[in-house]
Protein backbone atom coordinates (compact mmCIF):
# COMPACT_ATOMS: atom_id res chain seq x y z
CA MET A 1 6.97 -4.48 -15.43
CA MET A 2 4.41 -2.33 -17.22
CA ALA A 3 4.99 -1.61 -20.88
CA GLY A 4 3.72 1.42 -22.74
CA LYS A 5 2.38 4.65 -21.28
CA ARG A 6 2.97 5.21 -17.59
CA PRO A 7 -0.27 5.10 -15.59
CA ALA A 8 -1.52 8.47 -14.37
CA THR A 9 -4.13 7.14 -11.92
CA ILE A 10 -4.34 4.21 -9.53
CA ALA A 11 -7.12 2.65 -11.66
CA GLU A 12 -4.83 2.79 -14.71
CA TYR A 13 -2.00 1.30 -12.65
CA ILE A 14 -4.19 -1.65 -11.62
CA ARG A 15 -5.37 -2.21 -15.22
CA ALA A 16 -1.73 -2.29 -16.38
CA ALA A 17 -0.62 -4.71 -13.63
CA PRO A 18 -0.20 -8.47 -14.14
CA PRO A 19 -3.70 -9.96 -14.60
CA GLN A 20 -3.20 -12.48 -11.77
CA GLY A 21 -2.50 -9.61 -9.37
CA GLN A 22 -5.36 -7.30 -10.26
CA PRO A 23 -7.90 -8.82 -7.80
CA HIS A 24 -5.42 -8.35 -4.92
CA LEU A 25 -4.60 -4.80 -6.02
CA ARG A 26 -8.29 -3.88 -6.30
CA LYS A 27 -9.02 -5.34 -2.85
CA VAL A 28 -6.14 -3.48 -1.14
CA TYR A 29 -7.01 -0.28 -3.02
CA ALA A 30 -10.63 -0.51 -1.79
CA ILE A 31 -9.49 -1.03 1.82
CA LEU A 32 -7.10 1.95 1.68
CA ARG A 33 -9.70 4.24 0.08
CA LYS A 34 -12.20 3.35 2.79
CA VAL A 35 -9.67 3.97 5.58
CA ALA A 36 -8.44 7.28 4.14
CA PRO A 37 -11.19 8.73 1.92
CA LYS A 38 -9.74 12.26 2.16
CA ALA A 39 -6.21 11.24 1.21
CA GLU A 40 -4.86 12.38 -2.11
CA GLU A 41 -4.22 9.48 -4.47
CA LYS A 42 -1.08 9.86 -6.58
CA ILE A 43 1.29 7.88 -8.71
CA LYS A 44 4.78 8.56 -7.33
CA TRP A 45 7.92 6.77 -8.42
CA GLY A 46 5.67 4.65 -10.64
CA ASN A 47 3.51 3.31 -7.76
CA PRO A 48 0.17 4.18 -6.12
CA PHE A 49 0.53 6.41 -3.06
CA PHE A 50 -1.94 7.83 -0.55
CA VAL A 51 -0.82 11.21 0.76
CA GLU A 52 -2.46 13.40 3.44
CA PRO A 53 -0.40 15.67 2.83
CA ARG A 54 2.44 13.40 3.95
CA PHE A 55 3.04 9.77 3.03
CA LEU A 56 0.40 7.45 4.49
CA PHE A 57 0.91 4.24 2.53
CA ALA A 58 1.56 2.86 -0.92
CA PHE A 59 1.31 -0.41 -2.78
CA SER A 60 2.92 -1.96 -5.83
CA ALA A 61 2.42 -4.83 -8.24
CA HIS A 62 5.07 -7.42 -9.04
CA LYS A 63 5.11 -10.59 -11.10
CA ALA A 64 3.96 -13.03 -8.39
CA HIS A 65 3.11 -10.77 -5.43
CA MET A 66 2.06 -7.30 -4.43
CA SER A 67 3.66 -5.14 -1.76
CA PHE A 68 1.85 -2.98 0.78
CA ALA A 69 4.08 -0.19 2.09
CA PRO A 70 2.84 1.55 5.23
CA MET A 71 4.84 4.19 7.05
CA ALA A 72 7.91 2.66 8.74
CA ALA A 73 6.54 3.00 12.28
CA ALA A 74 3.59 0.77 11.36
CA MET A 75 5.88 -2.11 10.40
CA LYS A 76 7.41 -1.90 13.89
CA ALA A 77 4.06 -1.47 15.65
CA PHE A 78 2.62 -4.59 14.00
CA ALA A 79 5.81 -6.70 14.05
CA LYS A 80 4.14 -9.51 16.03
CA GLU A 81 1.16 -9.77 13.67
CA LEU A 82 3.44 -9.53 10.63
CA GLU A 83 5.60 -12.48 11.79
CA LYS A 84 3.53 -15.02 9.88
CA HIS A 85 3.77 -12.99 6.66
CA GLU A 86 6.67 -12.33 4.32
CA THR A 87 8.01 -8.84 4.98
CA THR A 88 10.99 -6.61 4.39
CA LYS A 89 11.87 -3.63 6.55
CA ASN A 90 9.31 -1.47 4.73
CA PHE A 91 6.90 -3.82 2.96
CA LEU A 92 4.35 -6.54 3.53
CA LYS A 93 4.60 -8.93 0.58
CA ILE A 94 1.30 -10.54 -0.40
CA PRO A 95 1.69 -13.45 -2.85
CA TYR A 96 -1.09 -13.61 -5.43
CA GLU A 97 -1.78 -17.27 -4.62
CA GLN A 98 -2.60 -16.38 -1.00
CA PRO A 99 -5.58 -14.36 0.22
CA VAL A 100 -5.11 -10.70 1.10
CA PRO A 101 -4.84 -10.38 4.93
CA GLU A 102 -7.63 -7.80 4.82
CA ALA A 103 -8.07 -7.25 8.56
CA LEU A 104 -4.33 -6.73 9.04
CA VAL A 105 -4.03 -4.33 6.09
CA ARG A 106 -7.02 -2.36 7.46
CA LYS A 107 -5.52 -2.20 11.00
CA ILE A 108 -2.14 -1.06 9.71
CA ALA A 109 -3.75 1.54 7.43
CA ASN A 110 -5.83 2.91 10.32
CA TYR A 111 -2.68 3.12 12.45
CA CYS A 112 -0.95 5.12 9.70
CA LEU A 113 -3.88 7.51 9.38
CA LYS A 114 -4.00 8.12 13.15
CA ASN A 115 -0.24 8.62 13.44
CA VAL A 116 0.64 10.60 10.31
CA SER A 117 0.12 13.99 11.94
CA GLY A 118 2.20 13.05 14.98
CA ARG A 119 5.40 12.53 13.02
CA GLU A 120 8.21 14.94 13.78
CA GLY A 121 9.41 17.46 11.22
CA ASP A 122 7.77 18.21 7.91
CA SER A 123 9.40 15.64 5.66
CA PHE A 124 7.22 13.66 3.28
CA TRP A 125 8.26 10.35 4.87
């Protein structure tokens, strides 16, 4: 998807993303930064991640949509609210031609932040 040098920061990632997706990516990035200001921002597996010190959430750019990837438990916890959106088991797909569901992204991100420390074991996921 992104030619040339691999982005080292989330800002670089957004600048290298498809132009039509950059407003969505910037909006979701701003929401996640506000929810988790102390989280470490990293590029892992080629995508933006928020880590504290375990996985909180990530997002990714695609040709016609972006994906928001919260921790798996959040997808289950918000299953009812996610029904009217396109999802996979681990992602909320947000088409670029539709508005970002900002309130829902914020609620899911807050859930992840509150629940990250309660996860069993010490695995990243």
